């Protein structure tokens, strides 16, 4: 895991250098954001005896509304009359929906910033590379993230619980599995940092050299080590991935790196088989259409 792509501190049980590396992809363990499961233990006691996933999802949505006063923001201390309507509706559901429409928009910036603070993995792309070469791109990313969090009701805490609930559901629905095979369609390989076998200290320089060298379809095909953005959209349907680009990335995603998937909550992201995945270094199979 290149040092330029991670923070020394985070808010979960593994440091970024470990959870962002290839060893973790091969041998994952559960990831827990500090204190969230214990703080919301009443929710998980409520969910434990419920057999149907849809009913559990409904109980989760009800719990979120009650705990964060999503239907009564004045009770949460928000001066409703002073805040624009779209800011009053800035909750975890809006963030996920916004991501599905534009991962480089304001909601995407909020989610990428959340991954940075919770898991210590830095955003690598947001409307352009965030590799230090373009200060304006990075400033835009910071501004969008700040605008997205302004005047919200414990939005990052809502995302903490959404991730924790997602992990709870994955364990219940896939008790014997550690990985999912997921696909991502891409058009511009230059948006992804291909590390190959370059030494870690020279990973960024190696990524640029490899990006130039691996332009042809024949060169791209095969297994590669890729540094993904800190949050990414994948799909469980390869044919669906083909609709989004000329190249397909296929990889084994550890279950603890799934932040959200379209069937987790009722009525969300219908028909796309979308899985929102925390990034880091992955071994992927690149293929051409």
Protein backbone atom coordinates (compact mmCIF):
# COMPACT_ATOMS: atom_id res chain seq x y z
CA UNK A 1 0.00 0.00 0.00
CA UNK A 2 1.78 3.21 -1.13
CA UNK A 3 2.34 5.65 1.73
CA UNK A 4 0.97 8.48 -0.43
CA UNK A 5 -2.44 6.76 -0.52
CA UNK A 6 -3.02 6.29 3.20
CA UNK A 7 -3.19 8.06 6.53
CA UNK A 8 -1.26 7.01 9.66
CA UNK A 9 -4.44 7.01 11.77
CA UNK A 10 -8.00 5.88 11.27
CA UNK A 11 -11.06 4.92 13.30
CA UNK A 12 -11.27 1.17 12.80
CA UNK A 13 -9.56 -1.93 14.14
CA UNK A 14 -6.86 -2.24 11.45
CA UNK A 15 -4.43 0.40 10.15
CA UNK A 16 -4.72 1.53 6.56
CA UNK A 17 -1.39 -0.02 5.59
CA UNK A 18 -2.88 -3.45 6.34
CA UNK A 19 -6.52 -3.15 5.27
CA UNK A 20 -5.48 -1.38 2.07
CA UNK A 21 -2.98 -4.03 0.95
CA UNK A 22 -2.99 -7.26 -1.02
CA UNK A 23 -2.54 -9.41 2.08
CA UNK A 24 -5.86 -8.19 3.37
CA UNK A 25 -7.53 -8.94 0.04
CA UNK A 26 -6.33 -12.52 0.31
CA UNK A 27 -6.95 -12.96 4.06
CA UNK A 28 -9.66 -10.55 5.23
CA UNK A 29 -10.90 -10.16 8.78
CA UNK A 30 -13.89 -8.18 10.02
CA UNK A 31 -13.55 -4.40 10.04
CA UNK A 32 -15.27 -2.46 12.79
CA UNK A 33 -15.53 1.30 13.16
CA UNK A 34 -14.62 2.23 16.72
CA UNK A 35 -17.52 1.93 19.14
CA UNK A 36 -20.38 1.77 16.64
CA UNK A 37 -21.54 -1.81 17.24
CA UNK A 38 -21.45 -1.36 21.02
CA UNK A 39 -23.17 2.03 20.96
CA UNK A 40 -26.04 0.68 18.85
CA UNK A 41 -26.28 -2.72 20.52
CA UNK A 42 -30.05 -2.27 21.02
CA UNK A 43 -30.51 -2.24 17.25
CA UNK A 44 -28.65 -5.50 16.74
CA UNK A 45 -30.50 -7.17 19.62
CA UNK A 46 -33.72 -6.13 17.89
CA UNK A 47 -32.57 -7.57 14.55
CA UNK A 48 -31.22 -10.87 15.88
CA UNK A 49 -34.50 -12.88 16.03
CA UNK A 50 -35.88 -11.54 12.72
CA UNK A 51 -35.51 -14.14 9.96
CA UNK A 52 -36.50 -12.10 6.89
CA UNK A 53 -33.90 -9.71 5.46
CA UNK A 54 -36.56 -7.27 4.23
CA UNK A 55 -38.10 -7.00 7.68
CA UNK A 56 -34.67 -6.39 9.18
CA UNK A 57 -34.11 -3.63 6.62
CA UNK A 58 -37.41 -2.00 7.55
CA UNK A 59 -36.49 -2.11 11.23
CA UNK A 60 -33.11 -0.57 10.42
CA UNK A 61 -34.70 2.31 8.49
CA UNK A 62 -37.12 2.91 11.38
CA UNK A 63 -34.24 2.88 13.87
CA UNK A 64 -32.25 5.39 11.81
CA UNK A 65 -35.24 7.72 11.58
CA UNK A 66 -35.87 7.54 15.32
CA UNK A 67 -32.27 7.67 16.55
CA UNK A 68 -31.22 10.57 14.30
CA UNK A 69 -34.62 12.36 14.36
CA UNK A 70 -34.71 12.27 10.56
CA UNK A 71 -38.44 12.99 10.52
CA UNK A 72 -38.22 15.72 13.17
CA UNK A 73 -35.02 17.67 12.60
CA UNK A 74 -36.03 20.43 15.01
CA UNK A 75 -35.94 17.83 17.78
CA UNK A 76 -32.33 17.17 16.77
CA UNK A 77 -31.52 20.87 17.21
CA UNK A 78 -31.59 21.95 13.57
CA UNK A 79 -32.90 25.47 12.92
CA UNK A 80 -35.12 24.34 10.06
CA UNK A 81 -36.16 27.82 8.98
CA UNK A 82 -32.53 28.84 8.46
CA UNK A 83 -31.46 25.84 6.40
CA UNK A 84 -32.37 25.23 2.78
CA UNK A 85 -34.63 22.28 2.07
CA UNK A 86 -32.00 20.24 0.21
CA UNK A 87 -29.69 20.53 3.21
CA UNK A 88 -32.45 19.36 5.57
CA UNK A 89 -32.77 16.21 3.48
CA UNK A 90 -29.03 15.47 3.50
CA UNK A 91 -29.11 12.10 5.22
CA UNK A 92 -27.56 8.68 4.60
CA UNK A 93 -30.19 7.77 1.99
CA UNK A 94 -29.52 10.93 -0.01
CA UNK A 95 -25.78 10.25 0.09
CA UNK A 96 -26.19 6.76 -1.37
CA UNK A 97 -28.63 7.92 -4.03
CA UNK A 98 -26.35 10.84 -4.92
CA UNK A 99 -23.41 8.46 -5.30
CA UNK A 100 -25.37 6.32 -7.74
CA UNK A 101 -26.08 9.36 -9.94
CA UNK A 102 -22.64 11.00 -9.79
CA UNK A 103 -19.74 9.60 -7.76
CA UNK A 104 -17.81 12.81 -8.45
CA UNK A 105 -20.54 15.06 -7.06
CA UNK A 106 -21.04 16.53 -3.62
CA UNK A 107 -22.44 13.32 -2.13
CA UNK A 108 -19.51 11.39 -3.57
CA UNK A 109 -17.08 13.81 -1.92
CA UNK A 110 -18.80 13.28 1.44
CA UNK A 111 -18.57 9.50 1.13
CA UNK A 112 -14.92 9.56 0.06
CA UNK A 113 -14.08 11.86 2.95
CA UNK A 114 -15.90 9.46 5.29
CA UNK A 115 -13.73 6.58 4.02
CA UNK A 116 -10.61 8.68 4.62
CA UNK A 117 -11.49 9.39 8.25
CA UNK A 118 -12.80 5.93 9.12
CA UNK A 119 -10.40 3.66 7.21
CA UNK A 120 -7.45 5.93 6.49
CA UNK A 121 -7.54 5.41 2.71
CA UNK A 122 -7.11 8.65 0.79
CA UNK A 123 -9.27 9.53 -2.18
CA UNK A 124 -7.31 9.14 -5.42
CA UNK A 125 -9.84 10.57 -7.87
CA UNK A 126 -12.72 13.02 -7.71
CA UNK A 127 -13.54 14.70 -11.00
CA UNK A 128 -9.83 14.27 -11.78
CA UNK A 129 -6.70 12.77 -10.21
CA UNK A 130 -6.00 13.75 -6.60
CA UNK A 131 -2.32 12.88 -6.82
CA UNK A 132 -0.91 16.24 -5.77
CA UNK A 133 -0.29 17.51 -9.31
CA UNK A 134 -3.48 19.60 -9.41
CA UNK A 135 -4.08 21.69 -6.30
CA UNK A 136 -7.34 23.02 -7.74
CA UNK A 137 -8.79 19.49 -8.09
CA UNK A 138 -7.96 18.72 -4.48
CA UNK A 139 -9.38 22.02 -3.24
CA UNK A 140 -12.61 21.37 -5.16
CA UNK A 141 -12.83 17.95 -3.54
CA UNK A 142 -12.36 19.44 -0.06
CA UNK A 143 -14.90 22.18 -0.75
CA UNK A 144 -17.53 19.74 -1.98
CA UNK A 145 -17.02 17.52 1.03
CA UNK A 146 -17.36 20.46 3.42
CA UNK A 147 -20.47 21.73 1.62
CA UNK A 148 -21.99 18.27 1.77
CA UNK A 149 -21.47 18.00 5.54
CA UNK A 150 -22.53 21.55 6.40
CA UNK A 151 -25.72 21.82 8.49
CA UNK A 152 -26.38 18.08 8.46
CA UNK A 153 -27.58 15.94 11.33
CA UNK A 154 -24.67 13.71 12.44
CA UNK A 155 -24.31 12.59 8.82
CA UNK A 156 -21.01 10.79 9.28
CA UNK A 157 -22.44 8.91 12.28
CA UNK A 158 -25.33 7.84 10.05
CA UNK A 159 -22.82 6.47 7.53
CA UNK A 160 -20.97 4.66 10.33
CA UNK A 161 -24.14 2.80 11.24
CA UNK A 162 -25.07 2.15 7.61
CA UNK A 163 -21.71 0.43 7.05
CA UNK A 164 -22.04 -1.54 10.30
CA UNK A 165 -25.53 -2.70 9.36
CA UNK A 166 -24.34 -3.67 5.88
CA UNK A 167 -21.65 -5.86 7.42
CA UNK A 168 -24.19 -7.42 9.79
CA UNK A 169 -26.42 -8.33 6.84
CA UNK A 170 -23.55 -9.72 4.75
CA UNK A 171 -22.55 -12.06 7.58
CA UNK A 172 -26.14 -13.25 8.02
CA UNK A 173 -26.78 -13.72 4.30
CA UNK A 174 -23.35 -15.12 3.34
CA UNK A 175 -22.20 -16.95 6.49
CA UNK A 176 -19.73 -19.23 4.68
CA UNK A 177 -18.26 -16.67 2.28
CA UNK A 178 -15.30 -14.34 2.65
CA UNK A 179 -15.24 -12.78 -0.86
CA UNK A 180 -17.53 -11.77 -3.70
CA UNK A 181 -16.58 -11.82 -7.39
CA UNK A 182 -17.38 -8.35 -8.68
CA UNK A 183 -16.85 -6.49 -11.95
CA UNK A 184 -16.17 -2.91 -12.97
CA UNK A 185 -16.38 -1.49 -16.49
CA UNK A 186 -13.91 1.26 -17.36
CA UNK A 187 -12.96 3.32 -20.42
CA UNK A 188 -9.87 5.19 -19.23
CA UNK A 189 -7.27 3.04 -17.57
CA UNK A 190 -5.40 6.27 -16.76
CA UNK A 191 -7.91 6.87 -13.95
CA UNK A 192 -6.57 3.75 -12.23
CA UNK A 193 -3.07 3.42 -10.86
CA UNK A 194 -1.62 0.19 -12.19
CA UNK A 195 1.16 -0.85 -9.84
CA UNK A 196 2.26 -4.17 -11.39
CA UNK A 197 5.46 -5.28 -9.66
CA UNK A 198 6.90 -1.80 -9.11
CA UNK A 199 8.59 -1.31 -5.71
CA UNK A 200 6.21 0.25 -3.19
CA UNK A 201 8.40 3.33 -2.74
CA UNK A 202 8.15 4.08 -6.46
CA UNK A 203 4.52 3.05 -6.83
CA UNK A 204 3.23 6.41 -8.04
CA UNK A 205 5.99 6.84 -10.61
CA UNK A 206 5.51 3.24 -11.65
CA UNK A 207 1.79 3.78 -12.00
CA UNK A 208 2.35 6.66 -14.41
CA UNK A 209 4.87 4.72 -16.45
CA UNK A 210 2.59 1.71 -16.59
CA UNK A 211 -0.38 3.85 -17.57
CA UNK A 212 1.56 5.07 -20.60
CA UNK A 213 2.94 1.65 -21.39
CA UNK A 214 -0.32 -0.25 -21.04
CA UNK A 215 -2.39 1.61 -23.59
CA UNK A 216 -2.97 -1.21 -26.01
CA UNK A 217 -5.70 -3.77 -25.40
CA UNK A 218 -3.31 -6.68 -25.60
CA UNK A 219 -1.01 -5.15 -23.00
CA UNK A 220 -3.89 -4.48 -20.62
CA UNK A 221 -5.22 -8.03 -20.56
CA UNK A 222 -4.14 -10.22 -17.66
CA UNK A 223 -3.71 -9.97 -13.91
CA UNK A 224 -2.60 -6.63 -12.51
CA UNK A 225 -2.13 -4.95 -9.18
CA UNK A 226 -4.24 -1.82 -9.15
CA UNK A 227 -4.58 0.95 -6.58
CA UNK A 228 -8.29 1.73 -6.63
CA UNK A 229 -9.94 4.91 -5.46
CA UNK A 230 -10.91 4.80 -1.79
CA UNK A 231 -14.55 4.17 -2.79
CA UNK A 232 -15.71 2.50 -6.01
CA UNK A 233 -18.78 1.12 -7.75
CA UNK A 234 -18.74 -2.51 -8.87
CA UNK A 235 -21.45 -4.87 -10.08
CA UNK A 236 -22.11 -8.54 -9.53
CA UNK A 237 -23.26 -8.84 -13.17
CA UNK A 238 -20.45 -8.97 -15.75
CA UNK A 239 -22.79 -8.12 -18.61
CA UNK A 240 -23.90 -5.05 -16.71
CA UNK A 241 -20.26 -3.99 -16.29
CA UNK A 242 -19.80 -4.20 -20.05
CA UNK A 243 -22.25 -1.30 -20.42
CA UNK A 244 -19.87 1.04 -18.61
CA UNK A 245 -16.61 0.63 -20.52
CA UNK A 246 -14.39 -1.16 -23.00
CA UNK A 247 -12.34 -2.90 -20.30
CA UNK A 248 -13.55 -5.09 -17.46
CA UNK A 249 -11.89 -5.34 -14.06
CA UNK A 250 -12.77 -8.57 -12.27
CA UNK A 251 -11.68 -9.02 -8.69
CA UNK A 252 -12.34 -10.84 -5.45
CA UNK A 253 -13.70 -8.28 -3.01
CA UNK A 254 -13.49 -9.10 0.71
CA UNK A 255 -16.93 -8.85 2.31
CA UNK A 256 -15.69 -6.40 4.98
CA UNK A 257 -14.86 -3.92 2.20
CA UNK A 258 -18.46 -3.66 1.02
CA UNK A 259 -19.94 -0.36 2.18
CA UNK A 260 -23.35 -0.73 0.54
CA UNK A 261 -25.18 -2.77 -2.09
CA UNK A 262 -28.37 -2.06 -3.97
CA UNK A 263 -30.60 -4.68 -2.33
CA UNK A 264 -29.55 -3.83 1.24
CA UNK A 265 -32.45 -1.41 1.75
CA UNK A 266 -35.85 -1.42 0.06
CA UNK A 267 -36.25 0.82 -2.97
CA UNK A 268 -32.56 1.74 -3.39
CA UNK A 269 -30.55 1.62 -6.65
CA UNK A 270 -32.94 -0.72 -8.41
CA UNK A 271 -31.77 -2.83 -11.32
CA UNK A 272 -28.07 -2.02 -11.28
CA UNK A 273 -26.64 -4.81 -9.09
CA UNK A 274 -24.37 -2.13 -7.67
CA UNK A 275 -21.90 -2.80 -4.89
CA UNK A 276 -20.07 0.17 -3.37
CA UNK A 277 -16.62 -1.05 -2.38
CA UNK A 278 -13.88 0.43 -0.18
CA UNK A 279 -10.62 0.68 -2.13
CA UNK A 280 -6.92 0.09 -1.66
CA UNK A 281 -4.63 -2.22 -3.61
CA UNK A 282 -6.38 -5.08 -5.39
CA UNK A 283 -5.27 -7.85 -7.68
CA UNK A 284 -7.61 -7.72 -10.66
CA UNK A 285 -8.13 -9.56 -13.90
CA UNK A 286 -8.26 -7.09 -16.79
CA UNK A 287 -10.02 -8.12 -19.94
CA UNK A 288 -11.13 -6.38 -23.12
CA UNK A 289 -14.56 -6.52 -24.66
